[in-house]
């Protein structure tokens, strides 16, 4: 059974965005003074198209919510390290 175009489009969109997140976090991790091009607001506002048998929407949303919270802490100079 092949992968349909709706599933491919939905998963490709998620993969592309999360790839950008990973690159951006790696870029700013070397220099904390460097302002991120990707913000918590960007992540919170991002929505993915859900196709048949694509990613489970609540899993993607939960992950993005956690990621946005962590970026918001970084942007505000807070740390959860204890």
C-alpha atoms as a PDB file:
ATOM      1  CA  UNK A   1       0.000   0.000   0.000  1.00  0.00           C
ATOM      2  CA  UNK A   2       1.489   3.360  -1.032  1.00  0.00           C
ATOM      3  CA  UNK A   3       1.559   6.665   0.748  1.00  0.00           C
ATOM      4  CA  UNK A   4      -1.109   9.015  -0.580  1.00  0.00           C
ATOM      5  CA  UNK A   5      -0.432  12.620  -1.615  1.00  0.00           C
ATOM      6  CA  UNK A   6      -2.323  14.090   1.386  1.00  0.00           C
ATOM      7  CA  UNK A   7      -0.203  12.117   3.859  1.00  0.00           C
ATOM      8  CA  UNK A   8       2.996  13.028   2.044  1.00  0.00           C
ATOM      9  CA  UNK A   9       2.111  16.732   2.013  1.00  0.00           C
ATOM     10  CA  UNK A  10       1.111  16.782   5.686  1.00  0.00           C
ATOM     11  CA  UNK A  11       4.162  14.914   6.940  1.00  0.00           C
ATOM     12  CA  UNK A  12       6.520  16.835   4.667  1.00  0.00           C
ATOM     13  CA  UNK A  13       5.202  20.136   6.062  1.00  0.00           C
ATOM     14  CA  UNK A  14       5.757  18.989   9.655  1.00  0.00           C
ATOM     15  CA  UNK A  15       9.198  17.574   8.871  1.00  0.00           C
ATOM     16  CA  UNK A  16      10.265  20.753   7.091  1.00  0.00           C
ATOM     17  CA  UNK A  17       9.176  22.999   9.968  1.00  0.00           C
ATOM     18  CA  UNK A  18      10.764  20.827  12.653  1.00  0.00           C
ATOM     19  CA  UNK A  19      13.958  20.692  10.583  1.00  0.00           C
ATOM     20  CA  UNK A  20      14.006  24.496  10.590  1.00  0.00           C
ATOM     21  CA  UNK A  21      13.470  24.466  14.371  1.00  0.00           C
ATOM     22  CA  UNK A  22      16.437  22.129  14.860  1.00  0.00           C
ATOM     23  CA  UNK A  23      18.713  24.247  12.656  1.00  0.00           C
ATOM     24  CA  UNK A  24      17.663  27.455  14.394  1.00  0.00           C
ATOM     25  CA  UNK A  25      18.167  26.049  17.893  1.00  0.00           C
ATOM     26  CA  UNK A  26      21.612  24.770  16.898  1.00  0.00           C
ATOM     27  CA  UNK A  27      22.462  28.213  15.492  1.00  0.00           C
ATOM     28  CA  UNK A  28      21.589  30.103  18.663  1.00  0.00           C
ATOM     29  CA  UNK A  29      22.963  27.526  21.098  1.00  0.00           C
ATOM     30  CA  UNK A  30      26.527  28.571  20.240  1.00  0.00           C
ATOM     31  CA  UNK A  31      25.880  32.217  21.141  1.00  0.00           C
ATOM     32  CA  UNK A  32      23.144  32.983  23.696  1.00  0.00           C
ATOM     33  CA  UNK A  33      23.314  36.677  22.762  1.00  0.00           C
ATOM     34  CA  UNK A  34      22.209  35.886  19.200  1.00  0.00           C
ATOM     35  CA  UNK A  35      18.505  36.628  18.847  1.00  0.00           C
ATOM     36  CA  UNK A  36      16.632  33.676  17.330  1.00  0.00           C
ATOM     37  CA  UNK A  37      14.972  34.097  13.954  1.00  0.00           C
ATOM     38  CA  UNK A  38      12.387  31.597  15.157  1.00  0.00           C
ATOM     39  CA  UNK A  39      10.386  32.733  18.151  1.00  0.00           C
ATOM     40  CA  UNK A  40       7.958  31.154  20.575  1.00  0.00           C
ATOM     41  CA  UNK A  41       5.205  33.116  18.837  1.00  0.00           C
ATOM     42  CA  UNK A  42       6.178  31.573  15.485  1.00  0.00           C
ATOM     43  CA  UNK A  43       5.907  28.078  16.937  1.00  0.00           C
ATOM     44  CA  UNK A  44       2.639  28.776  18.732  1.00  0.00           C
ATOM     45  CA  UNK A  45       1.098  30.164  15.539  1.00  0.00           C
ATOM     46  CA  UNK A  46       2.263  27.295  13.300  1.00  0.00           C
ATOM     47  CA  UNK A  47      -0.477  24.887  12.201  1.00  0.00           C
ATOM     48  CA  UNK A  48      -0.016  21.771  10.105  1.00  0.00           C
ATOM     49  CA  UNK A  49      -2.333  20.308   7.534  1.00  0.00           C
ATOM     50  CA  UNK A  50      -3.722  16.982   8.692  1.00  0.00           C
ATOM     51  CA  UNK A  51      -4.164  14.415   5.964  1.00  0.00           C
ATOM     52  CA  UNK A  52      -5.446  10.866   6.169  1.00  0.00           C
ATOM     53  CA  UNK A  53      -3.025   8.728   8.145  1.00  0.00           C
ATOM     54  CA  UNK A  54      -0.708  11.695   8.647  1.00  0.00           C
ATOM     55  CA  UNK A  55       0.721  12.885  11.923  1.00  0.00           C
ATOM     56  CA  UNK A  56      -1.567  12.789  14.939  1.00  0.00           C
ATOM     57  CA  UNK A  57      -2.536  16.431  15.358  1.00  0.00           C
ATOM     58  CA  UNK A  58      -2.528  16.503  19.168  1.00  0.00           C
ATOM     59  CA  UNK A  59       0.995  15.029  19.279  1.00  0.00           C
ATOM     60  CA  UNK A  60       2.340  17.745  16.977  1.00  0.00           C
ATOM     61  CA  UNK A  61       0.439  20.449  18.905  1.00  0.00           C
ATOM     62  CA  UNK A  62       1.696  19.148  22.282  1.00  0.00           C
ATOM     63  CA  UNK A  63       5.281  19.140  21.041  1.00  0.00           C
ATOM     64  CA  UNK A  64       5.001  22.647  19.621  1.00  0.00           C
ATOM     65  CA  UNK A  65       3.473  23.913  22.886  1.00  0.00           C
ATOM     66  CA  UNK A  66       6.411  22.523  24.885  1.00  0.00           C
ATOM     67  CA  UNK A  67       8.909  23.939  22.411  1.00  0.00           C
ATOM     68  CA  UNK A  68       7.226  27.365  22.433  1.00  0.00           C
ATOM     69  CA  UNK A  69       7.302  27.433  26.247  1.00  0.00           C
ATOM     70  CA  UNK A  70      11.012  26.646  26.292  1.00  0.00           C
ATOM     71  CA  UNK A  71      11.780  29.321  23.706  1.00  0.00           C
ATOM     72  CA  UNK A  72       9.673  31.855  25.607  1.00  0.00           C
ATOM     73  CA  UNK A  73      11.745  31.149  28.717  1.00  0.00           C
ATOM     74  CA  UNK A  74      14.947  31.641  26.737  1.00  0.00           C
ATOM     75  CA  UNK A  75      13.661  34.867  25.170  1.00  0.00           C
ATOM     76  CA  UNK A  76      12.804  36.218  28.636  1.00  0.00           C
ATOM     77  CA  UNK A  77      16.114  35.114  30.164  1.00  0.00           C
ATOM     78  CA  UNK A  78      14.521  32.481  32.403  1.00  0.00           C
ATOM     79  CA  UNK A  79      15.875  29.021  32.975  1.00  0.00           C
ATOM     80  CA  UNK A  80      14.192  25.825  34.054  1.00  0.00           C
ATOM     81  CA  UNK A  81      17.559  24.334  35.067  1.00  0.00           C
ATOM     82  CA  UNK A  82      17.703  23.891  38.751  1.00  0.00           C
END
